[in-house]
Structure formats: C-alpha cells, structure tokens
Amino acid sequence: MNSSSSLRTAPEIVCIGETMALITPTDARLASAAQASIGLAGAESNVDRPASPPPGTGSPGLHASESDPLGDRVASELGCFRARRGVELWVERDDAAPTGVMFKDPGVESSSVYYYRRG
C-alpha cells in the first residue's frame, strides 16, 4: 500500500451495542457501601476498547447512549478513549430510554452483578 494514499481501508472491527454505567462500591460490599466508583460496562465496550487498533488505523464503534446524565457520561468517556486512539465513534441518543446501569458487588472469591435496564 502506498503510504501517501488518502484511501481509508475498511475497519476490521465494528462494535455495536448499549454501553451501561457501572457502579462499583469502593469501601465495602454493595449493601453497606458508602462510596462507589462510576465506570462503563457492556460487552461491546469491553471488546471495543482493548481491541482498538493502533491510533489512526480505524475501528469505528456505534453505541446507544440515552439522553440522561449517565448517557452523557458514557458518551463522553467513550469519546475521550476513541479520540486518544484516533478512531471513529458514532453515538445514537435515545430520549425514550434511560441508560442501563450495572451494579457490581465485589466479593472475596467472586463478584455478583445486578442489571437495571430495559429489554
């Protein structure tokens, strides 16, 4: 391939799905926690982020992001990650559906998860 070519190649990976907010207690089990961290969860985000190729080589992601504060956070965090990698991100906003939330309850030997979402 000619290095001066402006032609883009087709992406090897396209991730489509709904990324959820992830709430994880940081000081105790979920039932008694007073503090928690907020992150992202969802299979497409878990595949999308580590699978993204080197910066500028393209691996677009399409994510559903609801029009609420957690949806804003999801879109912002995914956008920041994708911008650092130099790849495209398409976000579809949906005013009719709240952002899904996954609560993680970390245990000594394993963790439990609780999903709150439609569908």
Protein backbone atom coordinates (compact mmCIF):
# COMPACT_ATOMS: atom_id res chain seq x y z
CA MET A 1 0.00 0.00 0.00
CA ASN A 2 1.26 3.44 -0.88
CA SER A 3 1.95 5.41 2.32
CA SER A 4 0.85 8.65 0.65
CA SER A 5 -2.55 7.21 -0.26
CA SER A 6 -5.53 9.01 1.23
CA LEU A 7 -7.79 5.97 0.80
CA ARG A 8 -9.18 4.52 4.01
CA THR A 9 -9.35 0.80 4.49
CA ALA A 10 -12.43 -0.96 5.79
CA PRO A 11 -12.39 -1.44 9.57
CA GLU A 12 -11.55 -4.88 10.88
CA ILE A 13 -13.89 -4.47 13.86
CA VAL A 14 -17.18 -2.61 14.22
CA CYS A 15 -18.75 -2.73 17.68
CA ILE A 16 -22.48 -2.07 18.09
CA GLY A 17 -24.36 -2.09 21.35
CA GLU A 18 -25.54 -0.39 24.50
CA THR A 19 -22.85 0.66 26.94
CA MET A 20 -24.07 0.86 30.52
CA ALA A 21 -22.92 2.77 33.56
CA LEU A 22 -21.04 0.55 36.03
CA ILE A 23 -21.32 1.30 39.75
CA THR A 24 -18.78 -0.49 41.98
CA PRO A 25 -18.50 0.06 45.75
CA THR A 26 -15.01 1.01 46.87
CA ASP A 27 -15.25 0.63 50.63
CA ALA A 28 -17.49 -2.39 51.37
CA ARG A 29 -19.96 -4.81 49.84
CA LEU A 30 -22.83 -3.19 47.96
CA ALA A 31 -25.37 -3.49 50.79
CA SER A 32 -23.26 -1.46 53.23
CA ALA A 33 -21.07 0.69 50.98
CA ALA A 34 -20.89 4.45 51.47
CA GLN A 35 -18.62 5.11 48.47
CA ALA A 36 -18.53 3.83 44.89
CA SER A 37 -16.84 4.43 41.57
CA ILE A 38 -18.63 5.01 38.27
CA GLY A 39 -17.29 3.39 35.12
CA LEU A 40 -18.51 1.73 31.93
CA ALA A 41 -19.82 -1.77 31.28
CA GLY A 42 -21.21 -3.64 28.29
CA ALA A 43 -19.86 -6.34 26.03
CA GLU A 44 -19.30 -4.03 23.05
CA SER A 45 -17.27 -1.61 25.16
CA ASN A 46 -15.24 -4.42 26.68
CA VAL A 47 -14.38 -5.70 23.19
CA ASP A 48 -14.12 -2.29 21.57
CA ARG A 49 -11.61 -0.64 23.88
CA PRO A 50 -8.86 -3.28 24.09
CA ALA A 51 -9.41 -4.44 20.50
CA SER A 52 -8.96 -0.98 19.02
CA PRO A 53 -6.02 -0.94 16.64
CA PRO A 54 -3.09 1.47 16.81
CA PRO A 55 -4.02 5.17 16.63
CA GLY A 56 -5.30 6.33 13.25
CA THR A 57 -5.99 2.91 11.75
CA GLY A 58 -9.77 2.98 12.24
CA SER A 59 -12.16 0.74 14.16
CA PRO A 60 -15.48 2.53 14.40
CA GLY A 61 -17.83 1.95 17.29
CA LEU A 62 -21.58 2.56 17.31
CA HIS A 63 -23.08 2.87 20.77
CA ALA A 64 -26.57 3.59 22.07
CA SER A 65 -26.40 6.41 24.59
CA GLU A 66 -29.50 7.62 26.30
CA SER A 67 -30.29 11.30 26.81
CA ASP A 68 -29.73 11.45 30.56
CA PRO A 69 -26.72 12.31 32.80
CA LEU A 70 -25.34 8.75 32.78
CA GLY A 71 -25.78 8.62 28.99
CA ASP A 72 -23.80 11.86 28.79
CA ARG A 73 -21.03 10.27 30.86
CA VAL A 74 -20.97 7.13 28.70
CA ALA A 75 -20.74 9.20 25.50
CA SER A 76 -18.02 11.41 27.00
CA GLU A 77 -15.84 8.54 28.30
CA LEU A 78 -16.15 6.55 25.07
CA GLY A 79 -15.47 9.69 23.05
CA CYS A 80 -12.31 10.51 25.04
CA PHE A 81 -11.00 6.96 24.67
CA ARG A 82 -11.74 6.83 20.94
CA ALA A 83 -10.20 10.29 20.35
CA ARG A 84 -6.96 9.19 22.02
CA ARG A 85 -6.87 6.14 19.73
CA GLY A 86 -7.68 8.17 16.59
CA VAL A 87 -10.72 6.12 15.62
CA GLU A 88 -14.34 6.96 14.90
CA LEU A 89 -17.24 6.85 17.34
CA TRP A 90 -20.90 7.16 16.41
CA VAL A 91 -23.36 7.67 19.26
CA GLU A 92 -27.12 7.38 18.88
CA ARG A 93 -29.04 9.31 21.57
CA ASP A 94 -32.45 7.98 22.62
CA ASP A 95 -34.77 10.23 24.63
CA ALA A 96 -37.23 7.38 25.25
CA ALA A 97 -34.93 5.01 27.17
CA PRO A 98 -32.85 5.51 30.32
CA THR A 99 -29.20 4.49 30.44
CA GLY A 100 -28.75 0.94 31.72
CA VAL A 101 -26.88 0.54 35.00
CA MET A 102 -24.88 -2.43 36.21
CA PHE A 103 -24.03 -2.67 39.91
CA LYS A 104 -21.02 -4.82 40.76
CA ASP A 105 -20.82 -6.35 44.23
CA PRO A 106 -17.22 -7.49 44.64
CA GLY A 107 -16.65 -10.44 46.95
CA VAL A 108 -13.55 -12.20 48.22
CA GLU A 109 -13.72 -15.10 45.77
CA SER A 110 -16.18 -13.82 43.18
CA SER A 111 -18.40 -10.86 42.33
CA SER A 112 -22.12 -10.59 41.77
CA VAL A 113 -23.68 -8.22 39.26
CA TYR A 114 -27.12 -6.64 39.11
CA TYR A 115 -28.52 -5.12 35.92
CA TYR A 116 -31.11 -2.36 35.68
CA ARG A 117 -32.09 -1.79 32.05
CA ARG A 118 -34.91 -2.19 29.61
CA GLY A 119 -35.05 -5.16 27.28
